[in-house]
Amino acid sequence: MMLPLWNNFLLPLLHFVVLRSNHDKRLKEEQERREKEEDFA
């Protein structure tokens, strides 16, 4: 069985994808907040 090898490859990849999507979401929220503050200025 090559299952351990797949786990060693897929788990870090999955972790990376989740981290990236969270980071992108946070960046978008930050950008929207900045645009709203500019509207108030």
N, C-alpha and C. Protein backbone atom coordinates (compact mmCIF):
# COMPACT_ATOMS: atom_id res chain seq x y z
N MET A 1 0.84 -1.21 0.00
CA MET A 1 0.00 0.00 0.00
C MET A 1 0.87 1.25 0.00
N MET A 2 0.49 2.21 -0.84
CA MET A 2 1.23 3.48 -0.89
C MET A 2 0.51 4.56 -0.11
N LEU A 3 -0.36 4.16 0.79
CA LEU A 3 -1.17 5.14 1.51
C LEU A 3 -0.33 6.09 2.35
N PRO A 4 0.67 5.60 3.12
CA PRO A 4 1.47 6.55 3.91
C PRO A 4 2.16 7.59 3.03
N LEU A 5 2.64 7.17 1.87
CA LEU A 5 3.31 8.10 0.97
C LEU A 5 2.32 9.17 0.50
N TRP A 6 1.11 8.74 0.14
CA TRP A 6 0.10 9.70 -0.29
C TRP A 6 -0.23 10.67 0.83
N ASN A 7 -0.35 10.15 2.05
CA ASN A 7 -0.66 11.04 3.17
C ASN A 7 0.44 12.06 3.37
N ASN A 8 1.70 11.61 3.23
CA ASN A 8 2.82 12.55 3.42
C ASN A 8 2.80 13.65 2.37
N PHE A 9 2.26 13.36 1.21
CA PHE A 9 2.20 14.36 0.15
C PHE A 9 0.93 15.21 0.23
N LEU A 10 -0.20 14.55 0.46
CA LEU A 10 -1.49 15.25 0.39
C LEU A 10 -1.77 16.11 1.60
N LEU A 11 -1.37 15.66 2.78
CA LEU A 11 -1.70 16.45 3.97
C LEU A 11 -1.02 17.82 3.96
N PRO A 12 0.29 17.92 3.67
CA PRO A 12 0.88 19.26 3.59
C PRO A 12 0.26 20.09 2.47
N LEU A 13 -0.08 19.46 1.36
CA LEU A 13 -0.70 20.18 0.26
C LEU A 13 -2.06 20.74 0.68
N LEU A 14 -2.86 19.91 1.33
CA LEU A 14 -4.16 20.35 1.82
C LEU A 14 -4.00 21.49 2.81
N HIS A 15 -3.04 21.34 3.71
CA HIS A 15 -2.77 22.38 4.69
C HIS A 15 -2.42 23.70 4.01
N PHE A 16 -1.59 23.61 2.97
CA PHE A 16 -1.17 24.80 2.23
C PHE A 16 -2.36 25.47 1.56
N VAL A 17 -3.22 24.65 0.93
CA VAL A 17 -4.39 25.21 0.23
C VAL A 17 -5.32 25.91 1.22
N VAL A 18 -5.56 25.28 2.36
CA VAL A 18 -6.44 25.88 3.37
C VAL A 18 -5.84 27.19 3.87
N LEU A 19 -4.54 27.18 4.16
CA LEU A 19 -3.89 28.40 4.62
C LEU A 19 -4.01 29.51 3.58
N ARG A 20 -3.78 29.16 2.32
CA ARG A 20 -3.84 30.16 1.26
C ARG A 20 -5.23 30.74 1.12
N SER A 21 -6.25 29.90 1.15
CA SER A 21 -7.61 30.40 0.98
C SER A 21 -7.99 31.30 2.16
N ASN A 22 -7.57 30.92 3.37
CA ASN A 22 -7.84 31.78 4.52
C ASN A 22 -7.13 33.11 4.37
N HIS A 23 -5.90 33.07 3.89
CA HIS A 23 -5.12 34.30 3.73
C HIS A 23 -5.77 35.20 2.69
N ASP A 24 -6.19 34.64 1.57
CA ASP A 24 -6.84 35.43 0.52
C ASP A 24 -8.13 36.06 1.03
N LYS A 25 -8.90 35.31 1.80
CA LYS A 25 -10.15 35.82 2.33
C LYS A 25 -9.88 37.01 3.26
N ARG A 26 -8.84 36.86 4.11
CA ARG A 26 -8.50 37.94 5.04
C ARG A 26 -8.04 39.18 4.27
N LEU A 27 -7.27 38.96 3.20
CA LEU A 27 -6.81 40.10 2.40
C LEU A 27 -7.99 40.83 1.78
N LYS A 28 -8.96 40.10 1.27
CA LYS A 28 -10.13 40.75 0.65
C LYS A 28 -10.90 41.56 1.69
N GLU A 29 -11.10 41.00 2.88
CA GLU A 29 -11.81 41.73 3.92
C GLU A 29 -11.06 43.00 4.30
N GLU A 30 -9.74 42.89 4.40
CA GLU A 30 -8.93 44.06 4.75
C GLU A 30 -9.05 45.13 3.67
N GLN A 31 -9.05 44.72 2.41
CA GLN A 31 -9.15 45.67 1.31
C GLN A 31 -10.52 46.36 1.33
N GLU A 32 -11.58 45.60 1.55
CA GLU A 32 -12.92 46.20 1.61
C GLU A 32 -13.02 47.19 2.75
N ARG A 33 -12.44 46.85 3.89
CA ARG A 33 -12.48 47.75 5.04
C ARG A 33 -11.76 49.05 4.70
N ARG A 34 -10.62 48.95 4.02
CA ARG A 34 -9.85 50.13 3.67
C ARG A 34 -10.65 51.02 2.71
N GLU A 35 -11.34 50.38 1.75
CA GLU A 35 -12.13 51.16 0.79
C GLU A 35 -13.27 51.87 1.50
N LYS A 36 -13.90 51.23 2.47
CA LYS A 36 -14.99 51.89 3.21
C LYS A 36 -14.46 53.08 3.98
N GLU A 37 -13.28 52.93 4.60
CA GLU A 37 -12.71 54.06 5.35
C GLU A 37 -12.39 55.22 4.43
N GLU A 38 -11.94 54.91 3.20
CA GLU A 38 -11.66 55.99 2.25
C GLU A 38 -12.95 56.70 1.85
N ASP A 39 -14.05 55.98 1.78
CA ASP A 39 -15.32 56.62 1.44
C ASP A 39 -15.73 57.61 2.53
N PHE A 40 -15.47 57.27 3.78
CA PHE A 40 -15.84 58.16 4.88
C PHE A 40 -14.94 59.39 4.95
N ALA A 41 -13.70 59.25 4.52
CA ALA A 41 -12.73 60.34 4.62
C ALA A 41 -13.16 61.53 3.78
